[in-house]
Amino acid sequence: MQHGTTHQYGTLDNPYSGSSGADFEFYRAECSATPGPTPVIEPCINDSYIVDTGPVGSDSVDGWVQRLTEGQQVFADLGLGDVTVFETPHYLASSNAYTAISKVFEYRYERSNYFPGQLSGDQAPYQRAMDQFFPYTVRDIYGTKVLPENLGNITEEEQNNHAVRDTAFIVGGARANLAVRQSTASFFYHPFLGVEQLRETVEGIQALGYTFVPAMELT
């Protein structure tokens, strides 16, 4: 799975520092002192709100296709073989970027953003992006199969107005998913947290009757 190509957009603070692994790559994000439709842009601090402000300066389908294939080439150069699944950094991209992804990859593994007007063909007002995740595999309006990540991740500290999420929160989400037939419970975990909370989460989800399978079995 290719998680972005650089997980940043050049040296642009997007919104943090332009560092690989920290910033958005396929969309513009900034820090604001306030939430809502009229952000007050400020340097990022722990209590800032992260606001999505629209596509980056260079936002073309062909340009994104080139960036995606450059990432695939890195896998090939390292002898890791073909990469078939894509995940957008921080689960956000422009409609042009999602279209490019659909041309290069058959699958995305993530939650995604959609924009008003896409079904009617009207111009999409980017300031009103809608985050959506699914309880099972779907083929979305970009034409890509989306393998669901629908539980989020464990966090031990509040950051940028995102609440702390513990093992009980993740397992509770998996329990709620059981209301849907053929439901999938999928989360991600940062290894720097150690293994104990991971073990508790896995065992809690298994106790609900779920069976862990390789991601490509969801296709």
N, C-alpha and C. Protein backbone atom coordinates (compact mmCIF):
# COMPACT_ATOMS: atom_id res chain seq x y z
N MET A 1 0.85 -1.19 0.00
CA MET A 1 0.00 0.00 0.00
C MET A 1 0.88 1.24 0.00
N GLN A 2 0.56 2.19 -0.86
CA GLN A 2 1.31 3.44 -0.97
C GLN A 2 0.57 4.53 -0.23
N HIS A 3 1.17 5.02 0.84
CA HIS A 3 0.54 6.05 1.67
C HIS A 3 1.09 7.41 1.24
N GLY A 4 0.52 7.93 0.14
CA GLY A 4 1.07 9.13 -0.46
C GLY A 4 2.35 8.80 -1.21
N THR A 5 2.95 9.85 -1.79
CA THR A 5 4.27 9.69 -2.39
C THR A 5 5.33 10.29 -1.48
N THR A 6 5.05 11.48 -0.93
CA THR A 6 5.97 12.08 0.03
C THR A 6 5.30 12.45 1.35
N HIS A 7 3.95 12.38 1.42
CA HIS A 7 3.20 12.77 2.62
C HIS A 7 3.52 14.22 3.02
N GLN A 8 3.70 15.06 2.02
CA GLN A 8 3.93 16.49 2.21
C GLN A 8 3.76 17.14 0.84
N TYR A 9 3.70 18.45 0.78
CA TYR A 9 3.65 19.13 -0.51
C TYR A 9 4.82 20.09 -0.59
N GLY A 10 5.96 19.57 -1.04
CA GLY A 10 7.17 20.37 -1.14
C GLY A 10 7.58 20.92 0.22
N THR A 11 7.99 22.16 0.25
CA THR A 11 8.40 22.79 1.51
C THR A 11 7.28 23.63 2.13
N LEU A 12 6.08 23.55 1.53
CA LEU A 12 4.94 24.32 2.03
C LEU A 12 4.53 23.83 3.41
N ASP A 13 4.29 24.76 4.35
CA ASP A 13 3.70 24.39 5.63
C ASP A 13 2.25 24.00 5.36
N ASN A 14 1.98 22.71 5.38
CA ASN A 14 0.67 22.24 4.91
C ASN A 14 0.05 21.22 5.89
N PRO A 15 -0.30 21.57 7.11
CA PRO A 15 -0.19 22.93 7.64
C PRO A 15 1.00 23.14 8.58
N TYR A 16 1.74 22.06 8.86
CA TYR A 16 2.70 22.13 9.97
C TYR A 16 4.06 22.68 9.55
N SER A 17 4.88 21.84 8.92
CA SER A 17 6.27 22.24 8.71
C SER A 17 6.84 21.83 7.36
N GLY A 18 6.02 21.23 6.50
CA GLY A 18 6.55 20.72 5.24
C GLY A 18 7.31 19.42 5.40
N SER A 19 7.19 18.77 6.53
CA SER A 19 7.95 17.55 6.80
C SER A 19 7.20 16.33 6.27
N SER A 20 7.94 15.40 5.70
CA SER A 20 7.35 14.16 5.23
C SER A 20 6.76 13.39 6.41
N GLY A 21 5.55 12.88 6.22
CA GLY A 21 4.88 12.13 7.27
C GLY A 21 4.00 12.98 8.15
N ALA A 22 4.15 14.31 8.10
CA ALA A 22 3.36 15.18 8.97
C ALA A 22 2.28 15.92 8.21
N ASP A 23 2.58 16.35 6.98
CA ASP A 23 1.70 17.28 6.28
C ASP A 23 0.79 16.59 5.26
N PHE A 24 -0.21 17.35 4.82
CA PHE A 24 -1.06 16.92 3.72
C PHE A 24 -0.28 16.99 2.41
N GLU A 25 -0.66 16.16 1.46
CA GLU A 25 0.03 16.14 0.17
C GLU A 25 -0.87 16.53 -0.99
N PHE A 26 -2.13 16.14 -0.94
CA PHE A 26 -3.02 16.27 -2.10
C PHE A 26 -4.11 17.32 -1.91
N TYR A 27 -3.93 18.17 -0.89
CA TYR A 27 -4.92 19.20 -0.59
C TYR A 27 -4.26 20.23 0.30
N ARG A 28 -4.82 21.43 0.34
CA ARG A 28 -4.26 22.50 1.16
C ARG A 28 -4.95 22.52 2.51
N ALA A 29 -4.15 22.58 3.58
CA ALA A 29 -4.67 22.68 4.94
C ALA A 29 -3.91 23.77 5.69
N GLU A 30 -4.61 24.47 6.55
CA GLU A 30 -3.99 25.52 7.36
C GLU A 30 -4.51 25.45 8.78
N CYS A 31 -3.84 26.15 9.68
CA CYS A 31 -4.26 26.19 11.08
C CYS A 31 -5.07 27.45 11.33
N SER A 32 -6.10 27.30 12.15
CA SER A 32 -6.99 28.42 12.44
C SER A 32 -7.24 28.52 13.94
N ALA A 33 -7.44 29.73 14.42
CA ALA A 33 -7.79 29.94 15.82
C ALA A 33 -9.24 29.60 16.09
N THR A 34 -10.05 29.48 15.03
CA THR A 34 -11.48 29.22 15.18
C THR A 34 -11.91 28.14 14.20
N PRO A 35 -12.97 27.40 14.52
CA PRO A 35 -13.53 26.44 13.56
C PRO A 35 -14.49 27.15 12.62
N GLY A 36 -15.10 26.38 11.74
CA GLY A 36 -16.19 26.93 10.94
C GLY A 36 -15.76 27.49 9.60
N PRO A 37 -16.71 28.11 8.90
CA PRO A 37 -16.50 28.53 7.50
C PRO A 37 -15.64 29.79 7.34
N THR A 38 -15.37 30.50 8.42
CA THR A 38 -14.56 31.72 8.32
C THR A 38 -13.34 31.59 9.23
N PRO A 39 -12.35 30.80 8.82
CA PRO A 39 -11.20 30.55 9.68
C PRO A 39 -10.35 31.80 9.90
N VAL A 40 -9.69 31.84 11.05
CA VAL A 40 -8.72 32.88 11.36
C VAL A 40 -7.36 32.21 11.33
N ILE A 41 -6.65 32.36 10.20
CA ILE A 41 -5.42 31.61 9.98
C ILE A 41 -4.34 32.07 10.95
N GLU A 42 -3.62 31.10 11.53
CA GLU A 42 -2.57 31.38 12.48
C GLU A 42 -1.48 30.32 12.35
N PRO A 43 -0.27 30.58 12.89
CA PRO A 43 0.73 29.51 12.96
C PRO A 43 0.20 28.37 13.81
N CYS A 44 0.55 27.15 13.44
CA CYS A 44 -0.01 25.99 14.11
C CYS A 44 0.48 25.87 15.55
N ILE A 45 -0.45 25.71 16.47
CA ILE A 45 -0.16 25.36 17.84
C ILE A 45 -1.05 24.18 18.20
N ASN A 46 -0.85 23.61 19.39
CA ASN A 46 -1.56 22.40 19.75
C ASN A 46 -3.07 22.60 19.77
N ASP A 47 -3.51 23.82 20.08
CA ASP A 47 -4.95 24.07 20.19
C ASP A 47 -5.57 24.60 18.90
N SER A 48 -4.80 24.68 17.83
CA SER A 48 -5.35 25.16 16.56
C SER A 48 -6.38 24.18 16.00
N TYR A 49 -7.27 24.71 15.21
CA TYR A 49 -8.15 23.88 14.40
C TYR A 49 -7.49 23.70 13.03
N ILE A 50 -7.54 22.49 12.48
CA ILE A 50 -7.05 22.25 11.14
C ILE A 50 -8.20 22.46 10.17
N VAL A 51 -8.03 23.37 9.22
CA VAL A 51 -9.08 23.67 8.26
C VAL A 51 -8.59 23.34 6.85
N ASP A 52 -9.46 22.74 6.06
CA ASP A 52 -9.17 22.42 4.67
C ASP A 52 -9.56 23.62 3.83
N THR A 53 -8.60 24.18 3.08
CA THR A 53 -8.87 25.45 2.41
C THR A 53 -8.90 25.35 0.89
N GLY A 54 -8.78 24.16 0.33
CA GLY A 54 -8.90 24.02 -1.12
C GLY A 54 -7.72 23.31 -1.73
N PRO A 55 -7.72 23.13 -3.03
CA PRO A 55 -6.61 22.45 -3.71
C PRO A 55 -5.30 23.22 -3.55
N VAL A 56 -4.20 22.51 -3.68
CA VAL A 56 -2.90 23.16 -3.72
C VAL A 56 -2.75 23.90 -5.04
N GLY A 57 -1.68 24.69 -5.16
CA GLY A 57 -1.54 25.56 -6.33
C GLY A 57 -1.50 24.81 -7.64
N SER A 58 -0.86 23.65 -7.66
CA SER A 58 -0.80 22.84 -8.88
C SER A 58 -1.71 21.64 -8.70
N ASP A 59 -2.88 21.70 -9.32
CA ASP A 59 -3.91 20.68 -9.08
C ASP A 59 -4.48 20.23 -10.41
N SER A 60 -3.77 19.33 -11.07
CA SER A 60 -4.25 18.78 -12.34
C SER A 60 -4.21 17.27 -12.28
N VAL A 61 -5.12 16.63 -12.99
CA VAL A 61 -5.15 15.17 -13.01
C VAL A 61 -3.82 14.61 -13.52
N ASP A 62 -3.31 15.16 -14.62
CA ASP A 62 -2.05 14.65 -15.18
C ASP A 62 -0.89 14.84 -14.21
N GLY A 63 -0.87 15.99 -13.51
CA GLY A 63 0.20 16.23 -12.56
C GLY A 63 0.17 15.25 -11.40
N TRP A 64 -1.03 14.95 -10.92
CA TRP A 64 -1.15 13.99 -9.83
C TRP A 64 -0.81 12.58 -10.29
N VAL A 65 -1.20 12.22 -11.52
CA VAL A 65 -0.84 10.90 -12.04
C VAL A 65 0.67 10.74 -12.05
N GLN A 66 1.38 11.78 -12.49
CA GLN A 66 2.84 11.71 -12.50
C GLN A 66 3.39 11.52 -11.09
N ARG A 67 2.84 12.24 -10.12
CA ARG A 67 3.32 12.12 -8.74
C ARG A 67 3.06 10.71 -8.20
N LEU A 68 1.90 10.16 -8.50
CA LEU A 68 1.57 8.82 -8.02
C LEU A 68 2.49 7.76 -8.61
N THR A 69 2.76 7.86 -9.91
CA THR A 69 3.62 6.87 -10.55
C THR A 69 5.07 7.00 -10.09
N GLU A 70 5.48 8.21 -9.72
CA GLU A 70 6.81 8.36 -9.13
C GLU A 70 6.91 7.59 -7.82
N GLY A 71 5.83 7.62 -7.05
CA GLY A 71 5.80 6.85 -5.81
C GLY A 71 5.85 5.35 -6.07
N GLN A 72 5.12 4.90 -7.08
CA GLN A 72 5.18 3.48 -7.44
C GLN A 72 6.61 3.07 -7.82
N GLN A 73 7.32 3.98 -8.50
CA GLN A 73 8.67 3.66 -8.94
C GLN A 73 9.61 3.48 -7.74
N VAL A 74 9.35 4.23 -6.67
CA VAL A 74 10.17 4.06 -5.46
C VAL A 74 10.03 2.63 -4.94
N PHE A 75 8.81 2.10 -4.90
CA PHE A 75 8.60 0.72 -4.47
C PHE A 75 9.39 -0.24 -5.36
N ALA A 76 9.30 -0.01 -6.68
CA ALA A 76 10.00 -0.89 -7.62
C ALA A 76 11.51 -0.82 -7.42
N ASP A 77 12.03 0.40 -7.25
CA ASP A 77 13.48 0.57 -7.08
C ASP A 77 13.99 -0.12 -5.82
N LEU A 78 13.14 -0.22 -4.80
CA LEU A 78 13.53 -0.87 -3.55
C LEU A 78 13.27 -2.37 -3.55
N GLY A 79 12.78 -2.88 -4.69
CA GLY A 79 12.54 -4.31 -4.79
C GLY A 79 11.31 -4.79 -4.04
N LEU A 80 10.36 -3.89 -3.79
CA LEU A 80 9.16 -4.23 -3.03
C LEU A 80 8.01 -4.69 -3.90
N GLY A 81 8.22 -4.71 -5.22
CA GLY A 81 7.18 -5.20 -6.11
C GLY A 81 6.13 -4.16 -6.44
N ASP A 82 5.07 -4.62 -7.08
CA ASP A 82 3.99 -3.72 -7.50
C ASP A 82 3.14 -3.31 -6.31
N VAL A 83 2.75 -2.05 -6.28
CA VAL A 83 1.86 -1.56 -5.23
C VAL A 83 0.49 -1.30 -5.86
N THR A 84 -0.55 -1.84 -5.24
CA THR A 84 -1.88 -1.84 -5.87
C THR A 84 -2.92 -1.04 -5.09
N VAL A 85 -2.59 -0.63 -3.87
CA VAL A 85 -3.55 0.07 -3.01
C VAL A 85 -2.97 1.42 -2.62
N PHE A 86 -3.81 2.45 -2.60
CA PHE A 86 -3.36 3.79 -2.24
C PHE A 86 -4.12 4.30 -1.04
N GLU A 87 -3.45 5.10 -0.23
CA GLU A 87 -4.07 5.76 0.92
C GLU A 87 -3.61 7.21 0.94
N THR A 88 -4.55 8.14 0.89
CA THR A 88 -4.17 9.56 0.85
C THR A 88 -3.71 10.01 2.24
N PRO A 89 -2.63 10.79 2.33
CA PRO A 89 -2.20 11.33 3.62
C PRO A 89 -3.31 12.12 4.30
N HIS A 90 -3.59 11.78 5.53
CA HIS A 90 -4.64 12.42 6.33
C HIS A 90 -6.02 12.32 5.68
N TYR A 91 -6.18 11.37 4.76
CA TYR A 91 -7.49 11.09 4.17
C TYR A 91 -8.11 12.31 3.51
N LEU A 92 -7.34 13.03 2.72
CA LEU A 92 -7.90 14.21 2.07
C LEU A 92 -7.20 14.46 0.75
N ALA A 93 -7.98 14.72 -0.28
CA ALA A 93 -7.45 15.04 -1.60
C ALA A 93 -8.49 15.86 -2.36
N SER A 94 -8.05 16.52 -3.41
CA SER A 94 -8.98 17.24 -4.29
C SER A 94 -9.67 16.22 -5.20
N SER A 95 -10.74 16.66 -5.86
CA SER A 95 -11.42 15.76 -6.79
C SER A 95 -10.51 15.38 -7.95
N ASN A 96 -9.64 16.30 -8.39
CA ASN A 96 -8.67 15.97 -9.44
C ASN A 96 -7.69 14.90 -8.96
N ALA A 97 -7.26 15.01 -7.71
CA ALA A 97 -6.33 14.01 -7.18
C ALA A 97 -7.00 12.65 -7.06
N TYR A 98 -8.26 12.62 -6.57
CA TYR A 98 -8.97 11.35 -6.50
C TYR A 98 -9.17 10.74 -7.88
N THR A 99 -9.44 11.60 -8.87
CA THR A 99 -9.58 11.10 -10.25
C THR A 99 -8.28 10.49 -10.73
N ALA A 100 -7.16 11.15 -10.42
CA ALA A 100 -5.85 10.61 -10.80
C ALA A 100 -5.59 9.28 -10.11
N ILE A 101 -5.93 9.19 -8.85
CA ILE A 101 -5.72 7.93 -8.13
C ILE A 101 -6.48 6.81 -8.80
N SER A 102 -7.71 7.10 -9.27
CA SER A 102 -8.52 6.07 -9.92
C SER A 102 -7.89 5.59 -11.23
N LYS A 103 -7.06 6.42 -11.83
CA LYS A 103 -6.39 6.04 -13.08
C LYS A 103 -5.17 5.17 -12.83
N VAL A 104 -4.62 5.23 -11.62
CA VAL A 104 -3.37 4.54 -11.31
C VAL A 104 -3.59 3.32 -10.42
N PHE A 105 -4.56 3.41 -9.51
CA PHE A 105 -4.81 2.35 -8.54
C PHE A 105 -6.25 1.86 -8.64
N GLU A 106 -6.43 0.56 -8.45
CA GLU A 106 -7.79 0.02 -8.42
C GLU A 106 -8.42 0.18 -7.05
N TYR A 107 -7.59 0.27 -6.00
CA TYR A 107 -8.11 0.29 -4.64
C TYR A 107 -7.55 1.48 -3.86
N ARG A 108 -8.39 2.04 -2.98
CA ARG A 108 -7.94 2.92 -1.91
C ARG A 108 -8.33 2.29 -0.59
N TYR A 109 -7.51 2.44 0.42
CA TYR A 109 -7.81 1.91 1.75
C TYR A 109 -7.84 3.09 2.70
N GLU A 110 -9.05 3.60 3.04
CA GLU A 110 -9.11 4.85 3.77
C GLU A 110 -10.56 5.26 4.00
N ARG A 111 -10.75 6.42 4.59
CA ARG A 111 -11.99 7.19 4.52
C ARG A 111 -11.70 8.36 3.59
N SER A 112 -12.72 8.90 2.95
CA SER A 112 -12.49 9.82 1.83
C SER A 112 -13.32 11.08 1.95
N ASN A 113 -12.99 12.05 1.11
CA ASN A 113 -13.75 13.30 1.06
C ASN A 113 -14.46 13.44 -0.28
N TYR A 114 -15.67 13.99 -0.21
CA TYR A 114 -16.48 14.24 -1.39
C TYR A 114 -16.99 15.67 -1.33
N PHE A 115 -17.37 16.19 -2.48
CA PHE A 115 -17.67 17.61 -2.58
C PHE A 115 -19.04 17.82 -3.22
N PRO A 116 -19.80 18.81 -2.73
CA PRO A 116 -21.11 19.10 -3.32
C PRO A 116 -20.99 19.40 -4.81
N GLY A 117 -21.95 18.93 -5.57
CA GLY A 117 -21.98 19.19 -7.00
C GLY A 117 -21.34 18.12 -7.85
N GLN A 118 -20.69 17.14 -7.22
CA GLN A 118 -19.99 16.14 -8.04
C GLN A 118 -20.95 15.26 -8.82
N LEU A 119 -22.09 14.92 -8.26
CA LEU A 119 -23.04 14.07 -8.98
C LEU A 119 -23.81 14.85 -10.03
N SER A 120 -24.09 16.12 -9.78
CA SER A 120 -24.85 16.93 -10.72
C SER A 120 -23.98 17.53 -11.81
N GLY A 121 -22.66 17.52 -11.59
CA GLY A 121 -21.76 18.12 -12.57
C GLY A 121 -21.50 19.58 -12.33
N ASP A 122 -22.09 20.16 -11.28
CA ASP A 122 -21.83 21.56 -10.95
C ASP A 122 -20.44 21.71 -10.35
N GLN A 123 -19.90 22.91 -10.40
CA GLN A 123 -18.60 23.19 -9.82
C GLN A 123 -18.63 22.90 -8.32
N ALA A 124 -17.66 22.13 -7.85
CA ALA A 124 -17.64 21.75 -6.44
C ALA A 124 -17.06 22.87 -5.58
N PRO A 125 -17.81 23.37 -4.59
CA PRO A 125 -17.26 24.36 -3.66
C PRO A 125 -16.37 23.66 -2.64
N TYR A 126 -15.07 23.78 -2.80
CA TYR A 126 -14.15 22.99 -2.02
C TYR A 126 -14.23 23.27 -0.52
N GLN A 127 -14.73 24.44 -0.15
CA GLN A 127 -14.78 24.75 1.27
C GLN A 127 -15.80 23.89 2.02
N ARG A 128 -16.55 23.10 1.31
CA ARG A 128 -17.59 22.29 1.94
C ARG A 128 -17.33 20.80 1.72
N ALA A 129 -16.09 20.39 1.88
CA ALA A 129 -15.77 18.97 1.74
C ALA A 129 -16.48 18.16 2.81
N MET A 130 -16.89 16.95 2.45
CA MET A 130 -17.61 16.08 3.38
C MET A 130 -16.83 14.79 3.56
N ASP A 131 -16.44 14.51 4.78
CA ASP A 131 -15.73 13.28 5.11
C ASP A 131 -16.73 12.14 5.21
N GLN A 132 -16.42 11.02 4.57
CA GLN A 132 -17.33 9.88 4.61
C GLN A 132 -16.52 8.60 4.72
N PHE A 133 -17.00 7.69 5.58
CA PHE A 133 -16.39 6.37 5.63
C PHE A 133 -17.48 5.32 5.58
N PHE A 134 -17.10 4.11 5.24
CA PHE A 134 -18.08 3.07 4.92
C PHE A 134 -17.91 1.87 5.84
N PRO A 135 -18.98 1.12 6.09
CA PRO A 135 -18.89 -0.08 6.94
C PRO A 135 -18.44 -1.32 6.18
N TYR A 136 -18.30 -1.23 4.87
CA TYR A 136 -17.87 -2.36 4.05
C TYR A 136 -17.27 -1.80 2.77
N THR A 137 -16.72 -2.67 1.94
CA THR A 137 -16.08 -2.25 0.70
C THR A 137 -17.12 -1.70 -0.28
N VAL A 138 -16.80 -0.58 -0.91
CA VAL A 138 -17.67 0.02 -1.91
C VAL A 138 -16.85 0.44 -3.12
N ARG A 139 -17.51 0.70 -4.22
CA ARG A 139 -16.90 1.41 -5.34
C ARG A 139 -17.51 2.81 -5.35
N ASP A 140 -16.70 3.83 -5.15
CA ASP A 140 -17.24 5.16 -4.94
C ASP A 140 -17.37 5.94 -6.24
N ILE A 141 -17.75 7.22 -6.14
CA ILE A 141 -18.04 8.00 -7.34
C ILE A 141 -16.81 8.30 -8.17
N TYR A 142 -15.61 8.08 -7.60
CA TYR A 142 -14.39 8.26 -8.39
C TYR A 142 -14.05 7.01 -9.21
N GLY A 143 -14.81 5.94 -9.00
CA GLY A 143 -14.60 4.71 -9.74
C GLY A 143 -13.60 3.77 -9.11
N THR A 144 -13.19 4.06 -7.89
CA THR A 144 -12.19 3.25 -7.20
C THR A 144 -12.87 2.42 -6.12
N LYS A 145 -12.41 1.18 -5.92
CA LYS A 145 -12.90 0.39 -4.80
C LYS A 145 -12.25 0.93 -3.52
N VAL A 146 -13.07 1.20 -2.52
CA VAL A 146 -12.59 1.73 -1.25
C VAL A 146 -12.69 0.65 -0.18
N LEU A 147 -11.54 0.23 0.35
CA LEU A 147 -11.51 -0.67 1.48
C LEU A 147 -11.63 0.20 2.73
N PRO A 148 -12.56 -0.11 3.62
CA PRO A 148 -12.90 0.85 4.67
C PRO A 148 -11.91 0.87 5.83
N GLU A 149 -11.53 2.07 6.24
CA GLU A 149 -10.96 2.30 7.57
C GLU A 149 -12.00 3.12 8.30
N ASN A 150 -12.66 2.53 9.27
CA ASN A 150 -13.84 3.18 9.84
C ASN A 150 -13.83 3.31 11.36
N LEU A 151 -12.71 2.98 12.00
CA LEU A 151 -12.64 3.07 13.45
C LEU A 151 -11.66 4.13 13.95
N GLY A 152 -10.79 4.62 13.06
CA GLY A 152 -9.81 5.60 13.49
C GLY A 152 -8.61 4.97 14.15
N ASN A 153 -8.02 5.66 15.11
CA ASN A 153 -6.80 5.19 15.76
C ASN A 153 -6.77 5.63 17.21
N ILE A 154 -5.96 4.95 17.99
CA ILE A 154 -5.78 5.30 19.39
C ILE A 154 -4.88 6.52 19.51
N THR A 155 -5.30 7.49 20.30
CA THR A 155 -4.48 8.67 20.60
C THR A 155 -4.49 8.88 22.10
N GLU A 156 -3.35 9.25 22.64
CA GLU A 156 -3.22 9.41 24.09
C GLU A 156 -3.31 10.86 24.53
N GLU A 157 -3.22 11.80 23.59
CA GLU A 157 -3.29 13.21 23.92
C GLU A 157 -4.19 13.92 22.91
N GLU A 158 -4.89 14.96 23.38
CA GLU A 158 -5.68 15.77 22.48
C GLU A 158 -4.75 16.66 21.65
N GLN A 159 -5.01 16.73 20.34
CA GLN A 159 -4.21 17.59 19.47
C GLN A 159 -5.12 18.20 18.42
N ASN A 160 -4.99 19.51 18.23
CA ASN A 160 -5.76 20.23 17.23
C ASN A 160 -7.25 19.93 17.33
N ASN A 161 -7.73 19.89 18.57
CA ASN A 161 -9.15 19.69 18.87
C ASN A 161 -9.68 18.33 18.44
N HIS A 162 -8.78 17.37 18.32
CA HIS A 162 -9.18 15.97 18.14
C HIS A 162 -9.10 15.30 19.51
N ALA A 163 -10.18 14.70 19.94
CA ALA A 163 -10.27 14.14 21.28
C ALA A 163 -9.38 12.91 21.43
N VAL A 164 -9.03 12.60 22.67
CA VAL A 164 -8.34 11.37 22.99
C VAL A 164 -9.24 10.18 22.63
N ARG A 165 -8.65 9.15 22.03
CA ARG A 165 -9.40 7.94 21.69
C ARG A 165 -8.65 6.74 22.26
N ASP A 166 -9.30 6.00 23.14
CA ASP A 166 -8.65 4.87 23.78
C ASP A 166 -9.16 3.55 23.19
N THR A 167 -8.71 2.44 23.79
CA THR A 167 -9.10 1.13 23.31
C THR A 167 -10.62 0.96 23.32
N ALA A 168 -11.26 1.41 24.39
CA ALA A 168 -12.72 1.26 24.49
C ALA A 168 -13.44 1.99 23.36
N PHE A 169 -12.90 3.15 22.95
CA PHE A 169 -13.51 3.90 21.85
C PHE A 169 -13.45 3.10 20.55
N ILE A 170 -12.30 2.51 20.26
CA ILE A 170 -12.14 1.75 19.02
C ILE A 170 -13.04 0.51 19.04
N VAL A 171 -13.03 -0.21 20.13
CA VAL A 171 -13.85 -1.41 20.24
C VAL A 171 -15.34 -1.04 20.19
N GLY A 172 -15.71 0.09 20.77
CA GLY A 172 -17.09 0.54 20.71
C GLY A 172 -17.54 0.81 19.28
N GLY A 173 -16.65 1.38 18.48
CA GLY A 173 -16.97 1.59 17.07
C GLY A 173 -17.18 0.29 16.33
N ALA A 174 -16.36 -0.71 16.63
CA ALA A 174 -16.52 -2.03 16.01
C ALA A 174 -17.85 -2.65 16.40
N ARG A 175 -18.25 -2.45 17.66
CA ARG A 175 -19.54 -2.98 18.12
C ARG A 175 -20.69 -2.30 17.36
N ALA A 176 -20.59 -1.00 17.16
CA ALA A 176 -21.64 -0.29 16.43
C ALA A 176 -21.75 -0.78 14.99
N ASN A 177 -20.62 -1.13 14.39
CA ASN A 177 -20.63 -1.61 13.00
C ASN A 177 -21.41 -2.91 12.84
N LEU A 178 -21.60 -3.65 13.92
CA LEU A 178 -22.33 -4.92 13.82
C LEU A 178 -23.79 -4.73 13.45
N ALA A 179 -24.27 -3.49 13.50
CA ALA A 179 -25.65 -3.21 13.06
C ALA A 179 -25.82 -3.40 11.57
N VAL A 180 -24.70 -3.48 10.84
CA VAL A 180 -24.73 -3.59 9.38
C VAL A 180 -24.26 -4.98 8.97
N ARG A 181 -25.00 -5.65 8.10
CA ARG A 181 -24.56 -6.95 7.59
C ARG A 181 -23.31 -6.78 6.76
N GLN A 182 -22.43 -7.76 6.79
CA GLN A 182 -21.16 -7.74 6.07
C GLN A 182 -20.28 -6.56 6.52
N SER A 183 -20.39 -6.21 7.78
CA SER A 183 -19.63 -5.06 8.28
C SER A 183 -18.15 -5.40 8.39
N THR A 184 -17.35 -4.36 8.28
CA THR A 184 -15.91 -4.45 8.46
C THR A 184 -15.52 -3.53 9.62
N ALA A 185 -14.62 -4.01 10.46
CA ALA A 185 -14.07 -3.18 11.54
C ALA A 185 -12.59 -3.01 11.25
N SER A 186 -12.18 -1.78 10.94
CA SER A 186 -10.80 -1.56 10.52
C SER A 186 -10.26 -0.30 11.19
N PHE A 187 -9.06 -0.42 11.77
CA PHE A 187 -8.43 0.71 12.45
C PHE A 187 -6.95 0.73 12.09
N PHE A 188 -6.27 1.80 12.46
CA PHE A 188 -4.81 1.81 12.30
C PHE A 188 -4.17 2.15 13.63
N TYR A 189 -2.90 1.81 13.75
CA TYR A 189 -2.23 1.89 15.05
C TYR A 189 -0.79 2.35 14.85
N HIS A 190 -0.39 3.31 15.68
CA HIS A 190 0.99 3.81 15.58
C HIS A 190 1.90 2.97 16.47
N PRO A 191 2.96 2.39 15.92
CA PRO A 191 3.79 1.45 16.70
C PRO A 191 4.52 2.08 17.87
N PHE A 192 4.69 3.41 17.87
CA PHE A 192 5.40 4.02 19.00
C PHE A 192 4.58 3.94 20.29
N LEU A 193 3.33 3.53 20.22
CA LEU A 193 2.50 3.37 21.41
C LEU A 193 2.76 2.06 22.13
N GLY A 194 3.62 1.20 21.55
CA GLY A 194 3.85 -0.10 22.16
C GLY A 194 2.78 -1.10 21.77
N VAL A 195 2.84 -2.29 22.35
CA VAL A 195 1.96 -3.38 21.89
C VAL A 195 0.77 -3.63 22.81
N GLU A 196 0.79 -3.13 24.05
CA GLU A 196 -0.26 -3.52 24.99
C GLU A 196 -1.64 -3.03 24.54
N GLN A 197 -1.74 -1.77 24.14
CA GLN A 197 -3.04 -1.26 23.70
C GLN A 197 -3.47 -1.90 22.39
N LEU A 198 -2.51 -2.24 21.56
CA LEU A 198 -2.83 -2.96 20.33
C LEU A 198 -3.42 -4.32 20.66
N ARG A 199 -2.79 -5.02 21.59
CA ARG A 199 -3.31 -6.34 21.99
C ARG A 199 -4.72 -6.22 22.54
N GLU A 200 -4.95 -5.24 23.40
CA GLU A 200 -6.29 -5.06 23.98
C GLU A 200 -7.34 -4.76 22.91
N THR A 201 -6.95 -3.95 21.93
CA THR A 201 -7.89 -3.59 20.87
C THR A 201 -8.22 -4.79 20.00
N VAL A 202 -7.20 -5.52 19.59
CA VAL A 202 -7.41 -6.71 18.75
C VAL A 202 -8.28 -7.73 19.48
N GLU A 203 -7.96 -7.99 20.74
CA GLU A 203 -8.73 -8.99 21.48
C GLU A 203 -10.16 -8.52 21.73
N GLY A 204 -10.34 -7.20 21.94
CA GLY A 204 -11.69 -6.67 22.13
C GLY A 204 -12.54 -6.80 20.88
N ILE A 205 -11.94 -6.56 19.72
CA ILE A 205 -12.67 -6.69 18.46
C ILE A 205 -12.97 -8.15 18.16
N GLN A 206 -12.00 -9.03 18.41
CA GLN A 206 -12.24 -10.46 18.20
C GLN A 206 -13.35 -10.98 19.10
N ALA A 207 -13.44 -10.46 20.32
CA ALA A 207 -14.48 -10.91 21.25
C ALA A 207 -15.88 -10.57 20.75
N LEU A 208 -15.98 -9.61 19.83
CA LEU A 208 -17.28 -9.25 19.24
C LEU A 208 -17.67 -10.20 18.11
N GLY A 209 -16.76 -11.10 17.73
CA GLY A 209 -17.05 -12.06 16.67
C GLY A 209 -16.37 -11.79 15.36
N TYR A 210 -15.57 -10.74 15.27
CA TYR A 210 -14.84 -10.43 14.05
C TYR A 210 -13.65 -11.38 13.88
N THR A 211 -13.28 -11.60 12.62
CA THR A 211 -12.08 -12.36 12.28
C THR A 211 -11.17 -11.48 11.45
N PHE A 212 -9.91 -11.35 11.86
CA PHE A 212 -8.97 -10.54 11.10
C PHE A 212 -8.53 -11.28 9.84
N VAL A 213 -8.53 -10.57 8.72
CA VAL A 213 -8.15 -11.15 7.44
C VAL A 213 -7.21 -10.19 6.73
N PRO A 214 -6.42 -10.66 5.76
CA PRO A 214 -5.62 -9.73 4.94
C PRO A 214 -6.52 -8.74 4.22
N ALA A 215 -6.05 -7.53 4.07
CA ALA A 215 -6.87 -6.46 3.49
C ALA A 215 -7.42 -6.82 2.12
N MET A 216 -6.62 -7.51 1.29
CA MET A 216 -7.07 -7.79 -0.07
C MET A 216 -8.19 -8.82 -0.11
N GLU A 217 -8.47 -9.50 1.00
CA GLU A 217 -9.64 -10.38 1.03
C GLU A 217 -10.94 -9.58 1.10
N LEU A 218 -10.83 -8.27 1.36
CA LEU A 218 -12.02 -7.43 1.40
C LEU A 218 -12.46 -6.97 0.00
N THR A 219 -11.65 -7.26 -1.01
CA THR A 219 -11.91 -6.72 -2.33
C THR A 219 -13.04 -7.47 -3.03
